[in-house]
Protein backbone atom coordinates (compact mmCIF):
# COMPACT_ATOMS: atom_id res chain seq x y z
CA MET A 1 28.14 20.59 8.19
CA ALA A 2 29.06 17.75 5.82
CA ALA A 3 27.48 15.28 8.24
CA VAL A 4 24.20 17.22 8.11
CA ARG A 5 24.23 17.21 4.29
CA ASP A 6 25.02 13.46 4.27
CA SER A 7 22.18 12.87 6.72
CA THR A 8 19.78 14.93 4.61
CA ALA A 9 20.92 13.16 1.44
CA ALA A 10 20.36 9.76 3.06
CA ARG A 11 16.95 10.86 4.29
CA LEU A 12 16.00 12.12 0.83
CA PHE A 13 17.14 8.87 -0.77
CA ALA A 14 15.01 6.83 1.65
CA LEU A 15 11.98 9.07 1.19
CA ARG A 16 12.28 8.99 -2.61
CA SER A 17 12.48 5.18 -2.45
CA LEU A 18 9.39 5.07 -0.25
CA LEU A 19 7.61 7.44 -2.64
CA GLU A 20 8.36 5.05 -5.51
CA VAL A 21 6.88 2.20 -3.47
CA ALA A 22 3.80 4.32 -2.68
CA ASP A 23 3.46 5.23 -6.38
CA ARG A 24 3.42 1.55 -7.32
CA ALA A 25 0.88 0.82 -4.59
CA VAL A 26 -1.46 3.56 -5.80
CA GLU A 27 -1.11 2.29 -9.38
CA LEU A 28 -2.24 -1.16 -8.15
CA GLN A 29 -5.40 0.16 -6.50
CA PRO A 30 -7.66 -0.16 -9.58
CA SER A 31 -6.60 -3.81 -9.97
CA ALA A 32 -7.24 -4.45 -6.29
CA GLU A 33 -10.65 -2.78 -6.48
CA GLN A 34 -11.53 -4.91 -9.52
CA VAL A 35 -10.54 -8.12 -7.73
CA ILE A 36 -12.59 -7.13 -4.68
CA ASP A 37 -15.59 -6.29 -6.88
CA ASP A 38 -15.25 -9.61 -8.72
CA CYS A 39 -15.05 -11.50 -5.42
CA ALA A 40 -18.23 -9.80 -4.18
CA ARG A 41 -20.41 -10.62 -7.18
CA PRO A 42 -23.25 -13.07 -6.52
CA GLY A 43 -22.74 -16.56 -7.84
CA GLU A 44 -19.62 -18.55 -8.56
CA VAL A 45 -16.41 -16.52 -8.74
CA PRO A 46 -14.23 -17.45 -11.75
CA THR A 47 -10.88 -19.02 -10.84
CA GLN A 48 -8.98 -16.39 -12.84
CA VAL A 49 -10.08 -13.89 -10.16
CA ALA A 50 -8.13 -15.93 -7.62
CA ARG A 51 -5.04 -15.86 -9.82
CA ARG A 52 -5.29 -12.11 -10.45
CA GLY A 53 -6.08 -11.44 -6.81
CA SER A 54 -3.21 -13.56 -5.57
CA LYS A 55 -0.83 -11.60 -7.78
CA VAL A 56 -2.19 -8.25 -6.55
CA ALA A 57 -2.02 -9.35 -2.90
CA SER A 58 1.51 -10.64 -3.47
CA ASP A 59 2.54 -7.37 -5.12
CA TYR A 60 1.20 -5.41 -2.14
CA SER A 61 2.95 -7.76 0.26
CA ARG A 62 6.23 -7.26 -1.59
CA LEU A 63 5.76 -3.48 -1.53
CA HIS A 64 5.04 -3.68 2.20
CA GLY A 65 8.30 -5.59 2.74
CA TRP A 66 10.24 -3.01 0.75
CA ALA A 67 8.63 -0.20 2.72
CA LEU A 68 9.65 -1.85 5.99
CA ASP A 69 13.22 -2.19 4.71
CA ILE A 70 13.26 1.48 3.70
CA ILE A 71 11.77 2.95 6.87
CA GLY A 72 13.96 0.99 9.28
CA ASP A 73 13.25 2.14 12.81
CA ALA A 74 11.06 5.14 11.97
CA ASP A 75 8.67 6.30 14.69
CA ARG A 76 5.41 4.37 14.82
CA GLY A 77 3.40 7.56 14.32
CA SER A 78 5.45 8.78 11.35
CA LEU A 79 4.24 9.19 7.80
CA GLU A 80 6.67 6.48 6.72
CA CYS A 81 5.12 3.97 9.13
CA ARG A 82 1.64 4.98 8.05
CA VAL A 83 2.51 4.21 4.43
CA ALA A 84 3.82 0.78 5.45
CA GLN A 85 0.67 0.10 7.50
CA LEU A 86 -1.55 1.03 4.55
CA LEU A 87 0.38 -1.29 2.24
CA HIS A 88 -0.14 -4.10 4.73
CA TYR A 89 -3.86 -3.31 4.87
CA HIS A 90 -4.13 -3.42 1.07
CA SER A 91 -2.39 -6.79 0.93
CA GLU A 92 -4.53 -8.26 3.70
CA MET A 93 -7.78 -6.89 2.27
CA VAL A 94 -7.23 -8.45 -1.15
CA ASP A 95 -6.10 -11.71 0.42
CA THR A 96 -9.17 -11.80 2.69
CA CYS A 97 -11.47 -11.20 -0.29
CA ILE A 98 -9.93 -14.12 -2.14
CA ARG A 99 -10.30 -16.36 0.91
CA LEU A 100 -13.96 -15.37 1.22
CA ALA A 101 -14.57 -16.01 -2.49
CA PHE A 102 -12.77 -19.37 -2.43
CA PRO A 103 -13.36 -20.85 1.05
CA ARG A 104 -12.56 -24.42 2.00
CA PHE A 105 -16.10 -24.76 3.31
CA ARG A 106 -18.97 -22.50 2.26
CA THR A 107 -21.19 -21.25 5.02
CA PRO A 108 -24.04 -18.73 4.91
CA ARG A 109 -22.10 -16.38 7.16
CA LEU A 110 -18.99 -16.41 4.92
CA GLU A 111 -21.17 -15.93 1.86
CA GLN A 112 -22.86 -12.95 3.51
CA ARG A 113 -19.46 -11.41 4.31
CA ARG A 114 -18.26 -12.03 0.73
CA LEU A 115 -21.30 -10.36 -0.82
CA ALA A 116 -20.86 -7.36 1.53
CA LEU A 117 -17.34 -6.57 0.25
CA ARG A 118 -17.06 -2.96 -0.92
CA GLY A 119 -13.52 -2.26 -2.12
CA LEU A 120 -10.49 -0.95 -0.30
CA GLY A 121 -12.49 1.81 1.35
CA GLU A 122 -11.06 4.82 3.15
CA PRO A 123 -7.52 3.36 3.41
CA ALA A 124 -7.21 3.65 -0.39
CA ARG A 125 -7.77 7.40 -0.22
CA THR A 126 -5.55 7.64 2.83
CA LEU A 127 -2.72 5.96 0.92
CA ARG A 128 -3.12 8.42 -1.96
CA ASP A 129 -3.09 11.31 0.55
CA ALA A 130 0.00 9.88 2.29
CA ARG A 131 1.70 9.54 -1.07
CA ALA A 132 0.97 13.22 -1.81
CA ALA A 133 2.23 14.26 1.64
CA LEU A 134 5.41 12.26 1.06
CA ALA A 135 5.96 14.04 -2.27
CA LEU A 136 5.51 17.44 -0.56
CA TRP A 137 7.91 16.47 2.21
CA ILE A 138 10.53 15.46 -0.36
CA SER A 139 10.03 18.71 -2.23
CA ASP A 140 10.53 20.70 0.98
CA LEU A 141 13.69 18.77 1.85
CA GLU A 142 15.05 19.25 -1.67
CA GLN A 143 14.53 23.01 -1.43
CA THR A 144 16.18 23.08 1.98
CA ASP A 145 19.06 20.88 0.80
CA SER A 146 19.72 22.97 -2.31
CA GLY A 147 20.18 26.13 -0.30
CA PRO A 148 23.43 28.10 -0.50
CA PRO A 149 26.52 26.35 0.90
CA PRO A 150 27.88 27.69 4.19
């Protein structure tokens, strides 16, 4: 029975750590949305947008790395993997927006793609939903774990 409690405790620790990562990612979403909006404005994009955007993309990339460390070999279809995938999406989306706003060579097609940018989209809501599901899962495990000893 002690092995089951240790396993549950380890699982709870990992899930709480992942929840903290997801919390930080959700907190970053307004900054990411602002960078994307700034990149999509017509005309020249100020260089400070690139600096802010690079920091946001880097923060998401770091969070993604932490999530991968936390989830280990979790099933590909698991909630934990979904959170990690969404963090990767957020990082890549912000990075792509910066590359479109500050290309090496401007082309009409790249400019059209840049002006069509519309935020993080559905994955932003999905990350918030996954974060809420993670919190519920933790709550359920805590209630199960705090049950009466055998």
